[in-house]
Amino acid sequence: MARGTRYKVISDGVHVASLRYAEDAAAMVALYGKGTRVRFLHDVTVWREGKEEIEAGSSYDAAAAIMRERVAEYLTRLKSRAGKDT
C-alpha cells in the first residue's frame, strides 16, 4: 500500500485535511468538532464525531484505534469480495 495520506478529514462537507496517521486525523476531528468525518482513502467512513461512543478529543489514541480497526474490517471485506470474483 502507498505510504501517502490515507485519512481524509471532512467538516461540513468540505475536505479540510489529508493525513497519514489516524492519531493526526483524531486531533483534526477534535478541532473541527461534531459532525466531522474521517474517511479512509475516500472509500469508507471510519469516524463520525458525535456518533461515536467517545469524542476524538478525549483520547486521540483510542479514536485512532477504532479508526484502524474499521480500516482493517474494510480491507478484509475487500479481500473477501475479490476472492469471490475469481
PDB file of N, CA and C in Angstrom:
ATOM      1  N   MET A   1       0.839  -1.175   0.000  1.00  0.00           N
ATOM      2  CA  MET A   1       0.000   0.000   0.000  1.00  0.00           C
ATOM      3  C   MET A   1       0.888   1.243   0.000  1.00  0.00           C
ATOM      4  N   ALA A   2       0.456   2.253  -0.664  1.00  0.00           N
ATOM      5  CA  ALA A   2       1.192   3.510  -0.724  1.00  0.00           C
ATOM      6  C   ALA A   2       1.331   4.100   0.678  1.00  0.00           C
ATOM      7  N   ARG A   3       2.400   4.784   0.919  1.00  0.00           N
ATOM      8  CA  ARG A   3       2.663   5.340   2.243  1.00  0.00           C
ATOM      9  C   ARG A   3       2.238   6.792   2.352  1.00  0.00           C
ATOM     10  N   GLY A   4       1.414   7.261   1.447  1.00  0.00           N
ATOM     11  CA  GLY A   4       0.978   8.652   1.465  1.00  0.00           C
ATOM     12  C   GLY A   4      -0.156   8.892   2.450  1.00  0.00           C
ATOM     13  N   THR A   5      -0.894   9.948   2.209  1.00  0.00           N
ATOM     14  CA  THR A   5      -2.006  10.288   3.088  1.00  0.00           C
ATOM     15  C   THR A   5      -3.164   9.332   2.847  1.00  0.00           C
ATOM     16  N   ARG A   6      -3.700   8.813   3.918  1.00  0.00           N
ATOM     17  CA  ARG A   6      -4.773   7.827   3.825  1.00  0.00           C
ATOM     18  C   ARG A   6      -6.058   8.287   4.468  1.00  0.00           C
ATOM     19  N   TYR A   7      -5.956   9.142   5.468  1.00  0.00           N
ATOM     20  CA  TYR A   7      -7.132   9.571   6.219  1.00  0.00           C
ATOM     21  C   TYR A   7      -7.543  10.961   5.747  1.00  0.00           C
ATOM     22  N   LYS A   8      -8.791  11.066   5.311  1.00  0.00           N
ATOM     23  CA  LYS A   8      -9.323  12.323   4.800  1.00  0.00           C
ATOM     24  C   LYS A   8     -10.327  12.865   5.811  1.00  0.00           C
ATOM     25  N   VAL A   9     -10.119  14.093   6.258  1.00  0.00           N
ATOM     26  CA  VAL A   9     -10.994  14.716   7.249  1.00  0.00           C
ATOM     27  C   VAL A   9     -11.950  15.647   6.517  1.00  0.00           C
ATOM     28  N   ILE A  10     -13.253  15.463   6.780  1.00  0.00           N
ATOM     29  CA  ILE A  10     -14.293  16.247   6.116  1.00  0.00           C
ATOM     30  C   ILE A  10     -15.143  16.928   7.176  1.00  0.00           C
ATOM     31  N   SER A  11     -15.260  18.237   7.075  1.00  0.00           N
ATOM     32  CA  SER A  11     -16.078  19.017   8.005  1.00  0.00           C
ATOM     33  C   SER A  11     -17.056  19.853   7.198  1.00  0.00           C
ATOM     34  N   ASP A  12     -18.327  19.757   7.540  1.00  0.00           N
ATOM     35  CA  ASP A  12     -19.384  20.481   6.827  1.00  0.00           C
ATOM     36  C   ASP A  12     -19.310  20.245   5.318  1.00  0.00           C
ATOM     37  N   GLY A  13     -18.991  19.022   4.932  1.00  0.00           N
ATOM     38  CA  GLY A  13     -18.935  18.648   3.527  1.00  0.00           C
ATOM     39  C   GLY A  13     -17.702  19.116   2.788  1.00  0.00           C
ATOM     40  N   VAL A  14     -16.766  19.721   3.500  1.00  0.00           N
ATOM     41  CA  VAL A  14     -15.553  20.245   2.881  1.00  0.00           C
ATOM     42  C   VAL A  14     -14.354  19.412   3.340  1.00  0.00           C
ATOM     43  N   HIS A  15     -13.549  18.966   2.382  1.00  0.00           N
ATOM     44  CA  HIS A  15     -12.325  18.231   2.693  1.00  0.00           C
ATOM     45  C   HIS A  15     -11.333  19.226   3.279  1.00  0.00           C
ATOM     46  N   VAL A  16     -10.981  19.041   4.567  1.00  0.00           N
ATOM     47  CA  VAL A  16     -10.123  20.014   5.245  1.00  0.00           C
ATOM     48  C   VAL A  16      -8.703  19.516   5.478  1.00  0.00           C
ATOM     49  N   ALA A  17      -8.491  18.196   5.397  1.00  0.00           N
ATOM     50  CA  ALA A  17      -7.137  17.681   5.634  1.00  0.00           C
ATOM     51  C   ALA A  17      -6.993  16.273   5.080  1.00  0.00           C
ATOM     52  N   SER A  18      -5.780  15.964   4.654  1.00  0.00           N
ATOM     53  CA  SER A  18      -5.382  14.607   4.276  1.00  0.00           C
ATOM     54  C   SER A  18      -4.176  14.265   5.138  1.00  0.00           C
ATOM     55  N   LEU A  19      -4.298  13.170   5.864  1.00  0.00           N
ATOM     56  CA  LEU A  19      -3.281  12.847   6.846  1.00  0.00           C
ATOM     57  C   LEU A  19      -2.814  11.410   6.721  1.00  0.00           C
ATOM     58  N   ARG A  20      -1.612  11.153   7.151  1.00  0.00           N
ATOM     59  CA  ARG A  20      -1.036   9.821   7.052  1.00  0.00           C
ATOM     60  C   ARG A  20      -1.423   8.938   8.232  1.00  0.00           C
ATOM     61  N   TYR A  21      -1.586   9.535   9.412  1.00  0.00           N
ATOM     62  CA  TYR A  21      -1.803   8.758  10.625  1.00  0.00           C
ATOM     63  C   TYR A  21      -3.184   9.014  11.227  1.00  0.00           C
ATOM     64  N   ALA A  22      -3.770   7.941  11.757  1.00  0.00           N
ATOM     65  CA  ALA A  22      -5.092   8.034  12.359  1.00  0.00           C
ATOM     66  C   ALA A  22      -5.091   8.962  13.582  1.00  0.00           C
ATOM     67  N   GLU A  23      -3.997   8.976  14.338  1.00  0.00           N
ATOM     68  CA  GLU A  23      -3.918   9.866  15.511  1.00  0.00           C
ATOM     69  C   GLU A  23      -4.008  11.327  15.089  1.00  0.00           C
ATOM     70  N   ASP A  24      -3.380  11.670  13.973  1.00  0.00           N
ATOM     71  CA  ASP A  24      -3.454  13.045  13.466  1.00  0.00           C
ATOM     72  C   ASP A  24      -4.875  13.369  13.015  1.00  0.00           C
ATOM     73  N   ALA A  25      -5.532  12.393  12.402  1.00  0.00           N
ATOM     74  CA  ALA A  25      -6.922  12.594  11.990  1.00  0.00           C
ATOM     75  C   ALA A  25      -7.805  12.822  13.209  1.00  0.00           C
ATOM     76  N   ALA A  26      -7.554  12.078  14.283  1.00  0.00           N
ATOM     77  CA  ALA A  26      -8.333  12.254  15.514  1.00  0.00           C
ATOM     78  C   ALA A  26      -8.143  13.663  16.074  1.00  0.00           C
ATOM     79  N   ALA A  27      -6.921  14.171  16.024  1.00  0.00           N
ATOM     80  CA  ALA A  27      -6.652  15.531  16.505  1.00  0.00           C
ATOM     81  C   ALA A  27      -7.407  16.559  15.675  1.00  0.00           C
ATOM     82  N   MET A  28      -7.418  16.382  14.371  1.00  0.00           N
ATOM     83  CA  MET A  28      -8.160  17.310  13.499  1.00  0.00           C
ATOM     84  C   MET A  28      -9.660  17.249  13.783  1.00  0.00           C
ATOM     85  N   VAL A  29     -10.160  16.051  13.987  1.00  0.00           N
ATOM     86  CA  VAL A  29     -11.582  15.888  14.313  1.00  0.00           C
ATOM     87  C   VAL A  29     -11.899  16.639  15.594  1.00  0.00           C
ATOM     88  N   ALA A  30     -11.027  16.531  16.585  1.00  0.00           N
ATOM     89  CA  ALA A  30     -11.251  17.235  17.853  1.00  0.00           C
ATOM     90  C   ALA A  30     -11.309  18.742  17.641  1.00  0.00           C
ATOM     91  N   LEU A  31     -10.496  19.255  16.724  1.00  0.00           N
ATOM     92  CA  LEU A  31     -10.515  20.692  16.430  1.00  0.00           C
ATOM     93  C   LEU A  31     -11.799  21.131  15.740  1.00  0.00           C
ATOM     94  N   TYR A  32     -12.258  20.342  14.775  1.00  0.00           N
ATOM     95  CA  TYR A  32     -13.435  20.720  13.991  1.00  0.00           C
ATOM     96  C   TYR A  32     -14.748  20.372  14.675  1.00  0.00           C
ATOM     97  N   GLY A  33     -14.758  19.344  15.496  1.00  0.00           N
ATOM     98  CA  GLY A  33     -15.918  19.049  16.327  1.00  0.00           C
ATOM     99  C   GLY A  33     -17.011  18.209  15.687  1.00  0.00           C
ATOM    100  N   LYS A  34     -18.164  18.274  16.315  1.00  0.00           N
ATOM    101  CA  LYS A  34     -19.318  17.438  15.969  1.00  0.00           C
ATOM    102  C   LYS A  34     -19.653  17.515  14.483  1.00  0.00           C
ATOM    103  N   GLY A  35     -19.903  16.340  13.923  1.00  0.00           N
ATOM    104  CA  GLY A  35     -20.259  16.248  12.510  1.00  0.00           C
ATOM    105  C   GLY A  35     -19.077  15.996  11.591  1.00  0.00           C
ATOM    106  N   THR A  36     -17.871  16.151  12.108  1.00  0.00           N
ATOM    107  CA  THR A  36     -16.679  15.917  11.295  1.00  0.00           C
ATOM    108  C   THR A  36     -16.521  14.417  11.050  1.00  0.00           C
ATOM    109  N   ARG A  37     -16.164  14.076   9.828  1.00  0.00           N
ATOM    110  CA  ARG A  37     -15.995  12.669   9.443  1.00  0.00           C
ATOM    111  C   ARG A  37     -14.560  12.422   9.026  1.00  0.00           C
ATOM    112  N   VAL A  38     -14.150  11.165   9.175  1.00  0.00           N
ATOM    113  CA  VAL A  38     -12.861  10.723   8.652  1.00  0.00           C
ATOM    114  C   VAL A  38     -13.146   9.579   7.694  1.00  0.00           C
ATOM    115  N   ARG A  39     -12.587   9.696   6.502  1.00  0.00           N
ATOM    116  CA  ARG A  39     -12.725   8.636   5.500  1.00  0.00           C
ATOM    117  C   ARG A  39     -11.349   8.053   5.224  1.00  0.00           C
ATOM    118  N   PHE A  40     -11.327   6.769   4.951  1.00  0.00           N
ATOM    119  CA  PHE A  40     -10.090   6.090   4.590  1.00  0.00           C
ATOM    120  C   PHE A  40     -10.027   6.020   3.070  1.00  0.00           C
ATOM    121  N   LEU A  41      -9.020   6.661   2.495  1.00  0.00           N
ATOM    122  CA  LEU A  41      -8.829   6.688   1.031  1.00  0.00           C
ATOM    123  C   LEU A  41     -10.087   7.074   0.265  1.00  0.00           C
ATOM    124  N   HIS A  42     -10.905   7.920   0.821  1.00  0.00           N
ATOM    125  CA  HIS A  42     -12.173   8.352   0.212  1.00  0.00           C
ATOM    126  C   HIS A  42     -13.168   7.220   0.029  1.00  0.00           C
ATOM    127  N   ASP A  43     -12.832   6.007   0.503  1.00  0.00           N
ATOM    128  CA  ASP A  43     -13.657   4.828   0.245  1.00  0.00           C
ATOM    129  C   ASP A  43     -14.686   4.547   1.327  1.00  0.00           C
ATOM    130  N   VAL A  44     -14.298   4.675   2.577  1.00  0.00           N
ATOM    131  CA  VAL A  44     -15.172   4.255   3.668  1.00  0.00           C
ATOM    132  C   VAL A  44     -15.011   5.221   4.844  1.00  0.00           C
ATOM    133  N   THR A  45     -16.133   5.571   5.448  1.00  0.00           N
ATOM    134  CA  THR A  45     -16.101   6.430   6.631  1.00  0.00           C
ATOM    135  C   THR A  45     -15.702   5.586   7.832  1.00  0.00           C
ATOM    136  N   VAL A  46     -14.675   6.042   8.550  1.00  0.00           N
ATOM    137  CA  VAL A  46     -14.199   5.304   9.711  1.00  0.00           C
ATOM    138  C   VAL A  46     -14.421   6.055  11.019  1.00  0.00           C
ATOM    139  N   TRP A  47     -14.940   7.283  10.935  1.00  0.00           N
ATOM    140  CA  TRP A  47     -15.243   8.046  12.158  1.00  0.00           C
ATOM    141  C   TRP A  47     -16.276   9.119  11.853  1.00  0.00           C
ATOM    142  N   ARG A  48     -17.235   9.275  12.761  1.00  0.00           N
ATOM    143  CA  ARG A  48     -18.211  10.371  12.702  1.00  0.00           C
ATOM    144  C   ARG A  48     -18.288  10.991  14.090  1.00  0.00           C
ATOM    145  N   GLU A  49     -17.702  12.144  14.246  1.00  0.00           N
ATOM    146  CA  GLU A  49     -17.698  12.791  15.555  1.00  0.00           C
ATOM    147  C   GLU A  49     -19.129  13.123  15.959  1.00  0.00           C
ATOM    148  N   GLY A  50     -19.465  12.747  17.180  1.00  0.00           N
ATOM    149  CA  GLY A  50     -20.828  12.947  17.684  1.00  0.00           C
ATOM    150  C   GLY A  50     -21.681  11.699  17.563  1.00  0.00           C
ATOM    151  N   LYS A  51     -21.232  10.710  16.789  1.00  0.00           N
ATOM    152  CA  LYS A  51     -21.959   9.452  16.608  1.00  0.00           C
ATOM    153  C   LYS A  51     -21.215   8.281  17.247  1.00  0.00           C
ATOM    154  N   GLU A  52     -20.074   8.568  17.830  1.00  0.00           N
ATOM    155  CA  GLU A  52     -19.225   7.533  18.401  1.00  0.00           C
ATOM    156  C   GLU A  52     -19.416   7.457  19.914  1.00  0.00           C
ATOM    157  N   GLU A  53     -18.935   6.375  20.513  1.00  0.00           N
ATOM    158  CA  GLU A  53     -19.030   6.211  21.960  1.00  0.00           C
ATOM    159  C   GLU A  53     -18.155   7.206  22.715  1.00  0.00           C
ATOM    160  N   ILE A  54     -17.068   7.644  22.102  1.00  0.00           N
ATOM    161  CA  ILE A  54     -16.181   8.635  22.705  1.00  0.00           C
ATOM    162  C   ILE A  54     -16.030   9.799  21.741  1.00  0.00           C
ATOM    163  N   GLU A  55     -15.532  10.914  22.255  1.00  0.00           N
ATOM    164  CA  GLU A  55     -15.149  12.026  21.392  1.00  0.00           C
ATOM    165  C   GLU A  55     -13.668  11.863  21.065  1.00  0.00           C
ATOM    166  N   ALA A  56     -13.300  12.231  19.868  1.00  0.00           N
ATOM    167  CA  ALA A  56     -11.903  12.070  19.447  1.00  0.00           C
ATOM    168  C   ALA A  56     -10.958  12.828  20.373  1.00  0.00           C
ATOM    169  N   GLY A  57     -11.383  13.973  20.865  1.00  0.00           N
ATOM    170  CA  GLY A  57     -10.535  14.780  21.741  1.00  0.00           C
ATOM    171  C   GLY A  57     -10.299  14.179  23.109  1.00  0.00           C
ATOM    172  N   SER A  58     -11.131  13.223  23.518  1.00  0.00           N
ATOM    173  CA  SER A  58     -10.945  12.618  24.836  1.00  0.00           C
ATOM    174  C   SER A  58      -9.752  11.663  24.831  1.00  0.00           C
ATOM    175  N   SER A  59      -9.458  11.079  23.684  1.00  0.00           N
ATOM    176  CA  SER A  59      -8.276  10.214  23.544  1.00  0.00           C
ATOM    177  C   SER A  59      -7.991  10.007  22.068  1.00  0.00           C
ATOM    178  N   TYR A  60      -6.980  10.684  21.577  1.00  0.00           N
ATOM    179  CA  TYR A  60      -6.594  10.506  20.173  1.00  0.00           C
ATOM    180  C   TYR A  60      -6.224   9.050  19.898  1.00  0.00           C
ATOM    181  N   ASP A  61      -5.546   8.438  20.856  1.00  0.00           N
ATOM    182  CA  ASP A  61      -5.121   7.047  20.680  1.00  0.00           C
ATOM    183  C   ASP A  61      -6.312   6.098  20.578  1.00  0.00           C
ATOM    184  N   ALA A  62      -7.311   6.282  21.437  1.00  0.00           N
ATOM    185  CA  ALA A  62      -8.493   5.412  21.400  1.00  0.00           C
ATOM    186  C   ALA A  62      -9.275   5.620  20.113  1.00  0.00           C
ATOM    187  N   ALA A  63      -9.439   6.876  19.705  1.00  0.00           N
ATOM    188  CA  ALA A  63     -10.150   7.167  18.453  1.00  0.00           C
ATOM    189  C   ALA A  63      -9.401   6.558  17.271  1.00  0.00           C
ATOM    190  N   ALA A  64      -8.082   6.706  17.269  1.00  0.00           N
ATOM    191  CA  ALA A  64      -7.264   6.153  16.185  1.00  0.00           C
ATOM    192  C   ALA A  64      -7.364   4.636  16.147  1.00  0.00           C
ATOM    193  N   ALA A  65      -7.396   3.995  17.304  1.00  0.00           N
ATOM    194  CA  ALA A  65      -7.517   2.533  17.355  1.00  0.00           C
ATOM    195  C   ALA A  65      -8.831   2.083  16.733  1.00  0.00           C
ATOM    196  N   ILE A  66      -9.898   2.811  17.009  1.00  0.00           N
ATOM    197  CA  ILE A  66     -11.201   2.491  16.410  1.00  0.00           C
ATOM    198  C   ILE A  66     -11.143   2.667  14.900  1.00  0.00           C
ATOM    199  N   MET A  67     -10.534   3.765  14.453  1.00  0.00           N
ATOM    200  CA  MET A  67     -10.405   4.003  13.013  1.00  0.00           C
ATOM    201  C   MET A  67      -9.622   2.878  12.338  1.00  0.00           C
ATOM    202  N   ARG A  68      -8.491   2.505  12.938  1.00  0.00           N
ATOM    203  CA  ARG A  68      -7.671   1.436  12.351  1.00  0.00           C
ATOM    204  C   ARG A  68      -8.406   0.097  12.335  1.00  0.00           C
ATOM    205  N   GLU A  69      -9.190  -0.164  13.366  1.00  0.00           N
ATOM    206  CA  GLU A  69      -9.992  -1.394  13.405  1.00  0.00           C
ATOM    207  C   GLU A  69     -10.995  -1.411  12.254  1.00  0.00           C
ATOM    208  N   ARG A  70     -11.624  -0.279  12.013  1.00  0.00           N
ATOM    209  CA  ARG A  70     -12.596  -0.189  10.914  1.00  0.00           C
ATOM    210  C   ARG A  70     -11.921  -0.297   9.553  1.00  0.00           C
ATOM    211  N   VAL A  71     -10.736   0.245   9.428  1.00  0.00           N
ATOM    212  CA  VAL A  71      -9.970   0.107   8.183  1.00  0.00           C
ATOM    213  C   VAL A  71      -9.663  -1.368   7.951  1.00  0.00           C
ATOM    214  N   ALA A  72      -9.215  -2.059   8.990  1.00  0.00           N
ATOM    215  CA  ALA A  72      -8.892  -3.482   8.865  1.00  0.00           C
ATOM    216  C   ALA A  72     -10.114  -4.290   8.443  1.00  0.00           C
ATOM    217  N   GLU A  73     -11.275  -3.985   9.037  1.00  0.00           N
ATOM    218  CA  GLU A  73     -12.515  -4.676   8.654  1.00  0.00           C
ATOM    219  C   GLU A  73     -12.855  -4.411   7.193  1.00  0.00           C
ATOM    220  N   TYR A  74     -12.692  -3.174   6.766  1.00  0.00           N
ATOM    221  CA  TYR A  74     -12.970  -2.797   5.382  1.00  0.00           C
ATOM    222  C   TYR A  74     -12.048  -3.544   4.414  1.00  0.00           C
ATOM    223  N   LEU A  75     -10.761  -3.585   4.742  1.00  0.00           N
ATOM    224  CA  LEU A  75      -9.805  -4.272   3.866  1.00  0.00           C
ATOM    225  C   LEU A  75     -10.075  -5.772   3.826  1.00  0.00           C
ATOM    226  N   THR A  76     -10.497  -6.342   4.928  1.00  0.00           N
ATOM    227  CA  THR A  76     -10.860  -7.762   4.963  1.00  0.00           C
ATOM    228  C   THR A  76     -12.054  -8.027   4.055  1.00  0.00           C
ATOM    229  N   ARG A  77     -13.049  -7.141   4.111  1.00  0.00           N
ATOM    230  CA  ARG A  77     -14.223  -7.291   3.231  1.00  0.00           C
ATOM    231  C   ARG A  77     -13.813  -7.191   1.766  1.00  0.00           C
ATOM    232  N   LEU A  78     -12.915  -6.260   1.451  1.00  0.00           N
ATOM    233  CA  LEU A  78     -12.447  -6.121   0.066  1.00  0.00           C
ATOM    234  C   LEU A  78     -11.758  -7.389  -0.413  1.00  0.00           C
ATOM    235  N   LYS A  79     -10.891  -7.942   0.413  1.00  0.00           N
ATOM    236  CA  LYS A  79     -10.176  -9.163   0.050  1.00  0.00           C
ATOM    237  C   LYS A  79     -11.150 -10.324  -0.127  1.00  0.00           C
ATOM    238  N   SER A  80     -12.149 -10.379   0.731  1.00  0.00           N
ATOM    239  CA  SER A  80     -13.145 -11.441   0.641  1.00  0.00           C
ATOM    240  C   SER A  80     -13.936 -11.331  -0.668  1.00  0.00           C
ATOM    241  N   ARG A  81     -14.319 -10.109  -1.012  1.00  0.00           N
ATOM    242  CA  ARG A  81     -15.041  -9.878  -2.280  1.00  0.00           C
ATOM    243  C   ARG A  81     -14.179 -10.225  -3.475  1.00  0.00           C
ATOM    244  N   ALA A  82     -12.918  -9.859  -3.417  1.00  0.00           N
ATOM    245  CA  ALA A  82     -12.005 -10.140  -4.535  1.00  0.00           C
ATOM    246  C   ALA A  82     -11.885 -11.638  -4.747  1.00  0.00           C
ATOM    247  N   GLY A  83     -11.885 -12.411  -3.678  1.00  0.00           N
ATOM    248  CA  GLY A  83     -11.808 -13.857  -3.778  1.00  0.00           C
ATOM    249  C   GLY A  83     -13.037 -14.461  -4.402  1.00  0.00           C
ATOM    250  N   LYS A  84     -14.194 -13.845  -4.199  1.00  0.00           N
ATOM    251  CA  LYS A  84     -15.453 -14.341  -4.765  1.00  0.00           C
ATOM    252  C   LYS A  84     -15.584 -14.013  -6.250  1.00  0.00           C
ATOM    253  N   ASP A  85     -14.884 -12.970  -6.690  1.00  0.00           N
ATOM    254  CA  ASP A  85     -14.973 -12.532  -8.085  1.00  0.00           C
ATOM    255  C   ASP A  85     -14.146 -13.426  -9.019  1.00  0.00           C
ATOM    256  N   THR A  86     -13.248 -14.212  -8.467  1.00  0.00           N
ATOM    257  CA  THR A  86     -12.380 -15.021  -9.333  1.00  0.00           C
ATOM    258  C   THR A  86     -12.973 -16.378  -9.625  1.00  0.00           C
TER     259      THR A  86
END
